[in-house]
Amino acid sequence: MIKLNCWAALLGGAALANVASASIVEHIVRTQDAGVDVIAYPMGANDVITVRGSLPAGDSYAAAANIAAASITGFMLDKGTTRQNKFAIAKQLDDAGAQMAFNVGAQMVSVQARFLKKDLPLVVRLMAEELRTPAFSAEEFAKAKTQFEASVRENQQSTDQRADEALSRAIFPVGHPNRKHSAKEWLEAADKLTVEDLKAFHQKYYGPAYFTLVFVGDINASQIQQEVGKAFAGWAGGVGVVRTVSRDAVPAAHEEVVQVAGKESVSVSLGQSIGLRYQDPDTLALSVGTLILGSDFTSRLMSTVRNQEGLTYGIGAQILGDTFVDGSWAIEATFAPQLLDRGITSTQRELLKWWQGGVSAAELEARKTNVIGSYQVSLATTGGMASAILRTVNNGKPLTWLDEYRTAIQALTVDQVNTAIKKYLNPDHMVLIKAGSLASK
């Protein structure tokens, strides 16, 4: 998914020129240490290091056994290890002023950290300890299940979440990593889950294979390699990323209503699967075309449906879930119930106009400037740079893409963008989801 704004306008030309002229890849040091893909990039952040990392152990890997196993395994990583409890670990991090957190997505478990240069050995050691030897204590497991179930129930009260869930289930087949599970499925799985299930999942999917760690900031690459090699030595296992998924026929266009009681607004999702991954050649053209339709206040949807007609609180279009496997394309909007029908009609009118007529040369040139400027600004912080490097790896692109991206954007033509829009999208194939407190018709 691409989300960009106009941050670039806030910086002076000299700052952007410096970012644009610098080659990123020539300063990257990439090694394999204890089986871990380690990427180090020096950046002017005095005494501070930022880490972004990921390994393939997300929710889609748990589907064959118990779908809740991946999320709750990830939740348990910072709840104590076989060597020390969570309070002892938290104290060490707090005393150092360091931050570290884990998160579970559809395919990846991600880790992020930020700390002072002197604390590199401590943070890497604790990161390895939590990833390799979680305690899976019965007490923490019970708490994790309760919190997980509460989170599932809370999400059911979000009209945005419900619309997104329903669209994914309508356009992706069972077993596809981008198809979201229902609340009923999550709760039934969590109820059946055992500590032994977590241990089995961890044993099978956690390991250095395909584990990537990116270090950016005031770094010493040799020291990073030494600490990672020491902390992760002897760790084995792990699985590769799923990048190819067999697909059923495209579902027929239809409309679904998801009732969510007590809501004052209605969330709408209108979209389809696109059969594209980020690494595929046409993705960039479709992404930029989508930004022109619905990315910010200058996009067509916001300018018309929101600003001119006053029909919505917010509206936008985006590509989702295309990092590893084929993704989806969707317009997402929020309407007051009394404006819902008019809002949907207006949205579909603008979609059809964009799809049939394409984008103009002026729109494309303006969006190129915005995209390139926002990209450059995103690389100005250690967190932004680390995320960009990790995202490039996960997207299946070579690290040279970090430098090539701006050129690729600038080279896009109107014909490429409009061809991609027509090739991968069709308003007649799109599913419409309405989630909220809707009156029966």
Protein backbone atom coordinates (compact mmCIF):
# COMPACT_ATOMS: atom_id res chain seq x y z
CA MET A 1 0.00 0.00 0.00
CA ILE A 2 1.26 3.47 -0.78
CA LYS A 3 0.30 6.33 1.53
CA LEU A 4 1.97 9.60 0.76
CA ASN A 5 1.48 13.26 1.61
CA CYS A 6 3.05 16.64 1.02
CA TRP A 7 5.77 16.61 3.69
CA ALA A 8 8.29 17.46 0.99
CA ALA A 9 6.92 20.97 0.71
CA LEU A 10 8.04 21.64 4.28
CA LEU A 11 11.73 21.11 3.47
CA GLY A 12 14.09 23.42 1.68
CA GLY A 13 15.47 22.53 -1.75
CA ALA A 14 18.96 21.91 -0.41
CA ALA A 15 17.77 19.25 2.01
CA LEU A 16 15.90 17.38 -0.72
CA ALA A 17 18.82 17.70 -3.09
CA ASN A 18 21.12 16.08 -0.56
CA VAL A 19 18.76 13.14 -0.14
CA ALA A 20 18.24 12.82 -3.88
CA SER A 21 21.93 12.90 -4.78
CA ALA A 22 23.09 10.40 -2.18
CA SER A 23 23.34 6.74 -3.17
CA ILE A 24 21.85 4.51 -0.52
CA VAL A 25 22.91 1.07 -1.65
CA GLU A 26 26.63 1.86 -1.83
CA HIS A 27 26.64 2.52 1.93
CA ILE A 28 24.74 -0.63 2.89
CA VAL A 29 26.61 -3.54 4.45
CA ARG A 30 24.74 -6.85 4.11
CA THR A 31 25.94 -10.08 5.69
CA GLN A 32 24.70 -13.44 6.95
CA ASP A 33 25.41 -13.83 10.66
CA ALA A 34 24.29 -16.98 12.49
CA GLY A 35 21.91 -17.52 9.57
CA VAL A 36 20.29 -14.07 9.97
CA ASP A 37 20.15 -11.64 7.04
CA VAL A 38 21.80 -8.58 8.63
CA ILE A 39 21.66 -5.20 6.89
CA ALA A 40 23.50 -2.18 8.31
CA TYR A 41 23.25 1.39 7.09
CA PRO A 42 25.12 4.33 8.68
CA MET A 43 23.13 7.50 9.18
CA GLY A 44 23.74 10.74 11.03
CA ALA A 45 21.92 10.00 14.27
CA ASN A 46 24.38 10.67 17.07
CA ASP A 47 24.57 7.65 19.42
CA VAL A 48 21.15 6.29 18.32
CA ILE A 49 20.36 3.05 16.46
CA THR A 50 17.00 1.99 15.03
CA VAL A 51 16.16 -1.62 14.15
CA ARG A 52 13.46 -3.06 11.94
CA GLY A 53 13.18 -6.80 11.39
CA SER A 54 10.83 -9.53 10.25
CA LEU A 55 10.52 -13.29 9.94
CA PRO A 56 7.82 -15.42 8.26
CA ALA A 57 5.64 -16.65 11.15
CA GLY A 58 2.45 -14.62 10.72
CA ASP A 59 -1.18 -15.61 10.96
CA SER A 60 -1.37 -17.29 7.55
CA TYR A 61 1.13 -19.93 8.68
CA ALA A 62 -1.13 -21.01 11.53
CA ALA A 63 -4.24 -21.65 9.44
CA ALA A 64 -3.66 -25.36 8.97
CA ALA A 65 -3.57 -26.05 12.70
CA ASN A 66 -5.05 -23.31 14.87
CA ILE A 67 -5.43 -19.85 13.36
CA ALA A 68 -4.82 -18.11 16.69
CA ALA A 69 -1.46 -19.81 17.26
CA ALA A 70 0.64 -17.23 15.40
CA SER A 71 -0.89 -14.14 17.02
CA ILE A 72 -0.71 -15.49 20.54
CA THR A 73 2.80 -16.86 20.03
CA GLY A 74 3.87 -13.39 18.98
CA PHE A 75 2.06 -11.86 21.93
CA MET A 76 3.98 -14.16 24.30
CA LEU A 77 7.44 -13.21 23.04
CA ASP A 78 7.88 -10.36 25.52
CA LYS A 79 6.11 -12.09 28.41
CA GLY A 80 9.20 -13.78 29.79
CA THR A 81 11.76 -16.31 28.62
CA THR A 82 13.09 -19.58 29.99
CA ARG A 83 15.88 -17.56 31.62
CA GLN A 84 14.12 -14.54 33.14
CA ASN A 85 10.66 -13.12 33.63
CA LYS A 86 9.11 -10.20 31.76
CA PHE A 87 9.74 -7.77 34.62
CA ALA A 88 13.49 -8.42 34.63
CA ILE A 89 13.65 -7.90 30.86
CA ALA A 90 11.53 -4.76 31.00
CA LYS A 91 13.74 -3.29 33.74
CA GLN A 92 16.89 -3.80 31.68
CA LEU A 93 15.33 -2.06 28.69
CA ASP A 94 13.87 0.74 30.81
CA ASP A 95 17.16 1.36 32.60
CA ALA A 96 18.85 1.75 29.21
CA GLY A 97 16.06 3.93 27.82
CA ALA A 98 15.64 1.34 25.06
CA GLN A 99 12.44 0.37 23.27
CA MET A 100 11.61 -2.98 21.70
CA ALA A 101 8.32 -4.44 20.46
CA PHE A 102 6.96 -7.33 18.38
CA ASN A 103 3.95 -7.45 16.11
CA VAL A 104 2.22 -10.21 14.15
CA GLY A 105 0.82 -9.63 10.67
CA ALA A 106 -0.68 -11.83 7.99
CA GLN A 107 2.68 -13.31 6.97
CA MET A 108 5.38 -11.75 9.11
CA VAL A 109 6.31 -11.31 12.73
CA SER A 110 8.00 -7.93 12.93
CA VAL A 111 10.34 -6.52 15.53
CA GLN A 112 11.35 -2.92 16.04
CA ALA A 113 13.76 -1.36 18.48
CA ARG A 114 15.43 1.96 19.25
CA PHE A 115 18.33 2.40 21.64
CA LEU A 116 21.65 4.06 22.31
CA LYS A 117 24.72 2.78 20.52
CA LYS A 118 26.34 1.61 23.75
CA ASP A 119 23.37 -0.66 24.46
CA LEU A 120 23.61 -2.63 21.20
CA PRO A 121 24.88 -5.81 22.95
CA LEU A 122 22.07 -5.66 25.53
CA VAL A 123 19.25 -5.12 23.03
CA VAL A 124 20.44 -7.74 20.56
CA ARG A 125 20.89 -10.26 23.36
CA LEU A 126 17.39 -9.63 24.74
CA MET A 127 15.86 -9.70 21.27
CA ALA A 128 17.46 -13.06 20.56
CA GLU A 129 16.43 -14.41 23.95
CA GLU A 130 12.80 -13.44 23.48
CA LEU A 131 12.64 -14.78 19.94
CA ARG A 132 14.44 -18.03 20.70
CA THR A 133 13.30 -19.03 24.18
CA PRO A 134 9.89 -17.64 25.17
CA ALA A 135 8.72 -19.20 28.44
CA PHE A 136 5.09 -19.81 27.39
CA SER A 137 4.09 -19.87 31.04
CA ALA A 138 0.56 -21.04 31.83
CA GLU A 139 -0.20 -17.83 33.71
CA GLU A 140 0.88 -15.54 30.87
CA PHE A 141 -0.85 -17.78 28.34
CA ALA A 142 -4.18 -17.40 30.14
CA LYS A 143 -3.75 -13.61 30.17
CA ALA A 144 -2.80 -13.60 26.50
CA LYS A 145 -5.91 -15.53 25.52
CA THR A 146 -8.15 -13.19 27.49
CA GLN A 147 -6.57 -10.11 25.94
CA PHE A 148 -6.69 -11.62 22.46
CA GLU A 149 -10.37 -12.45 22.78
CA ALA A 150 -11.11 -8.96 24.09
CA SER A 151 -9.29 -7.46 21.11
CA VAL A 152 -11.31 -9.58 18.68
CA ARG A 153 -14.58 -8.47 20.28
CA GLU A 154 -13.48 -4.84 20.31
CA ASN A 155 -12.64 -4.97 16.60
CA GLN A 156 -16.18 -6.16 15.92
CA GLN A 157 -17.41 -2.76 17.07
CA SER A 158 -15.37 -0.92 14.43
CA THR A 159 -17.30 -0.36 11.22
CA ASP A 160 -14.03 0.16 9.34
CA GLN A 161 -12.70 -3.18 10.56
CA ARG A 162 -15.93 -4.97 9.75
CA ALA A 163 -16.07 -3.55 6.22
CA ASP A 164 -12.43 -4.44 5.58
CA GLU A 165 -12.94 -7.97 6.92
CA ALA A 166 -16.06 -8.55 4.83
CA LEU A 167 -14.41 -7.31 1.62
CA SER A 168 -11.40 -9.58 2.09
CA ARG A 169 -13.66 -12.59 2.64
CA ALA A 170 -15.68 -11.71 -0.44
CA ILE A 171 -12.75 -11.35 -2.86
CA PHE A 172 -10.16 -13.87 -1.62
CA PRO A 173 -10.63 -17.66 -1.42
CA VAL A 174 -10.27 -19.70 1.76
CA GLY A 175 -6.58 -20.20 2.55
CA HIS A 176 -5.38 -17.02 0.87
CA PRO A 177 -3.10 -15.00 3.22
CA ASN A 178 -5.14 -11.85 2.57
CA ARG A 179 -8.47 -13.41 3.51
CA LYS A 180 -9.32 -12.32 7.03
CA HIS A 181 -10.84 -14.68 9.57
CA SER A 182 -14.21 -13.96 11.13
CA ALA A 183 -14.57 -13.15 14.82
CA LYS A 184 -16.30 -16.49 15.32
CA GLU A 185 -13.34 -18.33 13.79
CA TRP A 186 -10.83 -16.39 15.91
CA LEU A 187 -12.72 -16.96 19.17
CA GLU A 188 -13.28 -20.66 18.55
CA ALA A 189 -9.59 -21.11 17.73
CA ALA A 190 -8.44 -19.22 20.81
CA ASP A 191 -10.73 -21.29 23.01
CA LYS A 192 -9.15 -24.53 21.75
CA LEU A 193 -5.56 -23.26 21.80
CA THR A 194 -3.09 -24.83 24.25
CA VAL A 195 0.41 -23.98 25.39
CA GLU A 196 1.60 -27.06 23.52
CA ASP A 197 0.15 -25.61 20.33
CA LEU A 198 2.25 -22.47 20.84
CA LYS A 199 5.40 -24.46 21.49
CA ALA A 200 4.80 -26.53 18.36
CA PHE A 201 4.17 -23.45 16.24
CA HIS A 202 7.26 -21.71 17.60
CA GLN A 203 9.41 -24.78 17.01
CA LYS A 204 8.24 -25.11 13.40
CA TYR A 205 8.24 -21.51 12.20
CA TYR A 206 10.71 -19.49 14.27
CA GLY A 207 14.31 -19.56 13.13
CA PRO A 208 17.00 -17.58 11.30
CA ALA A 209 16.02 -18.73 7.81
CA TYR A 210 14.50 -15.69 6.05
CA PHE A 211 14.86 -13.60 9.23
CA THR A 212 16.01 -10.09 8.30
CA LEU A 213 17.35 -7.47 10.71
CA VAL A 214 18.02 -3.91 9.55
CA PHE A 215 20.18 -1.58 11.67
CA VAL A 216 20.26 2.14 10.83
CA GLY A 217 21.93 5.02 12.65
CA ASP A 218 25.21 5.52 14.47
CA ILE A 219 26.41 2.04 13.67
CA ASN A 220 29.55 -0.04 13.51
CA ALA A 221 28.76 -2.81 11.03
CA SER A 222 31.44 -5.14 12.39
CA GLN A 223 30.12 -4.80 15.93
CA ILE A 224 26.56 -5.49 14.76
CA GLN A 225 27.69 -8.62 12.93
CA GLN A 226 29.58 -9.79 16.01
CA GLU A 227 26.67 -9.24 18.40
CA VAL A 228 24.08 -10.84 16.10
CA GLY A 229 26.38 -13.78 15.44
CA LYS A 230 26.91 -14.30 19.16
CA ALA A 231 23.29 -13.84 20.26
CA PHE A 232 21.74 -16.03 17.55
CA ALA A 233 24.47 -18.67 17.32
CA GLY A 234 23.07 -22.20 17.22
CA TRP A 235 19.55 -21.14 16.32
CA ALA A 236 18.11 -23.19 13.47
CA GLY A 237 14.90 -23.50 11.49
CA GLY A 238 12.43 -21.11 9.97
CA VAL A 239 10.45 -21.16 6.74
CA GLY A 240 10.33 -19.15 3.54
CA VAL A 241 7.83 -16.50 2.58
CA VAL A 242 4.76 -17.56 0.61
CA ARG A 243 4.75 -15.56 -2.63
CA THR A 244 2.62 -17.71 -4.95
CA VAL A 245 -0.99 -18.59 -4.18
CA SER A 246 -3.37 -20.51 -6.41
CA ARG A 247 -6.50 -18.52 -7.16
CA ASP A 248 -10.13 -19.39 -7.80
CA ALA A 249 -12.23 -17.55 -10.36
CA VAL A 250 -12.88 -13.84 -9.75
CA PRO A 251 -16.03 -13.54 -7.60
CA ALA A 252 -19.09 -11.94 -9.14
CA ALA A 253 -19.82 -8.36 -8.19
CA HIS A 254 -22.31 -8.11 -5.37
CA GLU A 255 -23.32 -6.05 -2.34
CA GLU A 256 -23.13 -7.03 1.33
CA VAL A 257 -24.49 -5.33 4.42
CA VAL A 258 -22.78 -5.83 7.78
CA GLN A 259 -24.91 -4.73 10.70
CA VAL A 260 -23.03 -3.06 13.57
CA ALA A 261 -25.42 -1.79 16.23
CA GLY A 262 -25.31 1.71 17.70
CA LYS A 263 -23.17 3.41 15.04
CA GLU A 264 -23.70 6.94 13.77
CA SER A 265 -21.80 6.46 10.52
CA VAL A 266 -21.46 3.79 7.83
CA SER A 267 -18.14 2.47 6.54
CA VAL A 268 -18.05 1.55 2.87
CA SER A 269 -15.49 -0.61 1.06
CA LEU A 270 -15.69 -1.03 -2.70
CA GLY A 271 -13.05 -3.20 -4.32
CA GLN A 272 -11.67 -6.32 -5.92
CA SER A 273 -8.60 -8.53 -5.97
CA ILE A 274 -6.04 -7.44 -8.55
CA GLY A 275 -3.70 -10.41 -9.10
CA LEU A 276 -0.63 -8.20 -8.62
CA ARG A 277 2.27 -8.26 -6.20
CA TYR A 278 4.49 -5.27 -5.52
CA GLN A 279 7.40 -6.87 -7.39
CA ASP A 280 5.32 -7.23 -10.58
CA PRO A 281 6.09 -4.71 -13.35
CA ASP A 282 2.67 -3.01 -13.53
CA THR A 283 2.26 -2.37 -9.81
CA LEU A 284 3.99 1.02 -9.79
CA ALA A 285 1.81 2.36 -12.59
CA LEU A 286 -1.39 1.15 -10.92
CA SER A 287 -0.24 2.53 -7.56
CA VAL A 288 0.38 6.03 -8.90
CA GLY A 289 -2.90 5.98 -10.80
CA THR A 290 -4.63 5.01 -7.57
CA LEU A 291 -2.99 7.89 -5.73
CA ILE A 292 -4.41 10.30 -8.29
CA LEU A 293 -7.88 8.91 -7.66
CA GLY A 294 -7.82 8.87 -3.89
CA SER A 295 -4.75 9.55 -1.76
CA ASP A 296 -5.11 13.01 -0.23
CA PHE A 297 -6.98 16.33 -0.42
CA THR A 298 -5.80 16.91 -4.00
CA SER A 299 -7.07 13.54 -5.24
CA ARG A 300 -10.22 13.22 -7.30
CA LEU A 301 -12.33 11.49 -4.67
CA MET A 302 -11.54 13.97 -1.92
CA SER A 303 -11.89 16.97 -4.22
CA THR A 304 -15.29 15.87 -5.52
CA VAL A 305 -17.09 13.61 -3.06
CA ARG A 306 -15.87 15.40 0.06
CA ASN A 307 -14.94 18.98 -0.81
CA GLN A 308 -17.38 19.86 -3.60
CA GLU A 309 -20.37 17.70 -2.65
CA GLY A 310 -19.86 17.45 1.12
CA LEU A 311 -21.01 13.83 1.24
CA THR A 312 -18.33 12.18 3.35
CA TYR A 313 -16.11 12.52 6.40
CA GLY A 314 -13.28 10.84 4.54
CA ILE A 315 -12.62 8.83 1.39
CA GLY A 316 -9.60 7.30 -0.35
CA ALA A 317 -8.37 4.52 -2.62
CA GLN A 318 -5.47 2.19 -2.05
CA ILE A 319 -3.77 -1.09 -2.89
CA LEU A 320 -3.54 -3.51 0.03
CA GLY A 321 -1.72 -6.75 0.84
CA ASP A 322 0.54 -6.90 -2.22
CA THR A 323 3.87 -7.22 -0.40
CA PHE A 324 4.18 -10.99 -0.73
CA VAL A 325 1.13 -12.25 -2.62
CA ASP A 326 -1.47 -10.77 -4.94
CA GLY A 327 -3.26 -7.89 -3.28
CA SER A 328 -6.54 -6.05 -3.39
CA TRP A 329 -7.69 -2.65 -4.56
CA ALA A 330 -10.33 -0.73 -2.64
CA ILE A 331 -12.06 2.59 -2.15
CA GLU A 332 -12.82 3.16 1.52
CA ALA A 333 -15.19 5.86 2.75
CA THR A 334 -17.32 6.88 5.71
CA PHE A 335 -20.81 8.34 5.26
CA ALA A 336 -23.59 9.58 7.47
CA PRO A 337 -26.57 7.19 7.05
CA GLN A 338 -28.74 9.88 5.44
CA LEU A 339 -26.01 10.57 2.85
CA LEU A 340 -25.07 6.94 2.20
CA ASP A 341 -26.91 6.36 -1.09
CA ARG A 342 -25.82 9.70 -2.55
CA GLY A 343 -22.27 9.12 -1.35
CA ILE A 344 -22.02 5.70 -2.97
CA THR A 345 -23.51 7.01 -6.21
CA SER A 346 -20.99 9.86 -6.29
CA THR A 347 -18.11 7.52 -5.48
CA GLN A 348 -19.05 5.07 -8.21
CA ARG A 349 -19.46 7.92 -10.71
CA GLU A 350 -15.94 9.19 -10.00
CA LEU A 351 -14.54 5.66 -10.12
CA LEU A 352 -16.11 5.03 -13.53
CA LYS A 353 -14.92 8.38 -14.87
CA TRP A 354 -11.36 7.61 -13.73
CA TRP A 355 -11.47 4.05 -15.07
CA GLN A 356 -12.90 4.98 -18.46
CA GLY A 357 -11.02 8.22 -19.10
CA GLY A 358 -7.80 7.56 -17.24
CA VAL A 359 -5.51 10.17 -15.73
CA SER A 360 -4.17 13.25 -17.47
CA ALA A 361 -0.56 14.18 -18.13
CA ALA A 362 -0.85 17.12 -15.74
CA GLU A 363 -2.23 14.92 -12.96
CA LEU A 364 0.56 12.39 -13.46
CA GLU A 365 3.35 14.97 -13.40
CA ALA A 366 1.97 16.57 -10.24
CA ARG A 367 1.66 13.20 -8.53
CA LYS A 368 5.19 12.19 -9.53
CA THR A 369 6.53 15.28 -7.77
CA ASN A 370 4.48 14.45 -4.67
CA VAL A 371 5.52 10.78 -4.62
CA ILE A 372 9.23 11.47 -5.08
CA GLY A 373 9.25 14.27 -2.53
CA SER A 374 7.41 12.21 0.05
CA TYR A 375 9.73 9.27 -0.53
CA GLN A 376 12.79 11.43 0.02
CA VAL A 377 11.33 12.88 3.20
CA SER A 378 10.50 9.37 4.49
CA LEU A 379 14.19 8.49 4.30
CA ALA A 380 15.26 11.43 6.45
CA THR A 381 14.88 9.56 9.77
CA THR A 382 16.51 6.34 10.97
CA GLY A 383 13.09 4.75 11.40
CA GLY A 384 12.00 5.75 7.93
CA MET A 385 15.20 4.49 6.34
CA ALA A 386 15.15 1.19 8.25
CA SER A 387 11.52 0.62 7.28
CA ALA A 388 12.27 1.40 3.62
CA ILE A 389 15.17 -1.06 3.55
CA LEU A 390 13.15 -3.85 5.19
CA ARG A 391 10.14 -3.12 2.98
CA THR A 392 12.36 -3.40 -0.11
CA VAL A 393 13.58 -6.83 0.99
CA ASN A 394 10.07 -8.04 1.80
CA ASN A 395 8.72 -6.67 -1.47
CA GLY A 396 11.10 -8.98 -3.31
CA LYS A 397 13.12 -6.13 -4.77
CA PRO A 398 16.93 -5.81 -4.83
CA LEU A 399 18.40 -3.19 -2.50
CA THR A 400 19.31 -1.11 -5.55
CA TRP A 401 15.57 -0.36 -5.74
CA LEU A 402 16.07 2.15 -2.92
CA ASP A 403 18.02 4.30 -5.39
CA GLU A 404 16.09 3.28 -8.51
CA TYR A 405 12.63 4.05 -7.11
CA ARG A 406 12.70 7.77 -7.90
CA THR A 407 13.83 7.12 -11.47
CA ALA A 408 11.14 4.49 -11.93
CA ILE A 409 8.46 6.91 -10.76
CA GLN A 410 9.75 9.69 -13.00
CA ALA A 411 9.78 7.36 -16.02
CA LEU A 412 6.09 6.44 -15.76
CA THR A 413 3.98 7.50 -18.72
CA VAL A 414 0.29 8.31 -18.98
CA ASP A 415 -0.17 5.31 -21.25
CA GLN A 416 1.42 2.94 -18.72
CA VAL A 417 -0.78 4.22 -15.90
CA ASN A 418 -4.02 4.14 -17.86
CA THR A 419 -3.25 0.72 -19.33
CA ALA A 420 -2.66 -0.69 -15.84
CA ILE A 421 -5.92 0.78 -14.56
CA LYS A 422 -7.90 -0.88 -17.35
CA LYS A 423 -5.93 -4.14 -17.20
CA TYR A 424 -6.27 -4.89 -13.50
CA LEU A 425 -9.48 -3.15 -12.45
CA ASN A 426 -13.09 -3.36 -13.53
CA PRO A 427 -15.88 -1.52 -11.70
CA ASP A 428 -18.31 -4.22 -12.90
CA HIS A 429 -16.36 -6.83 -10.90
CA MET A 430 -16.17 -4.93 -7.63
CA VAL A 431 -17.81 -5.95 -4.36
CA LEU A 432 -19.57 -3.28 -2.29
CA ILE A 433 -19.59 -3.59 1.50
CA LYS A 434 -21.64 -1.36 3.84
CA ALA A 435 -20.98 -1.71 7.57
CA GLY A 436 -22.94 0.14 10.23
CA SER A 437 -26.38 0.55 11.75
CA LEU A 438 -28.42 0.23 8.59
CA ALA A 439 -32.18 0.19 8.28
CA SER A 440 -33.66 -2.88 6.61
CA LYS A 441 -35.10 -2.31 3.17
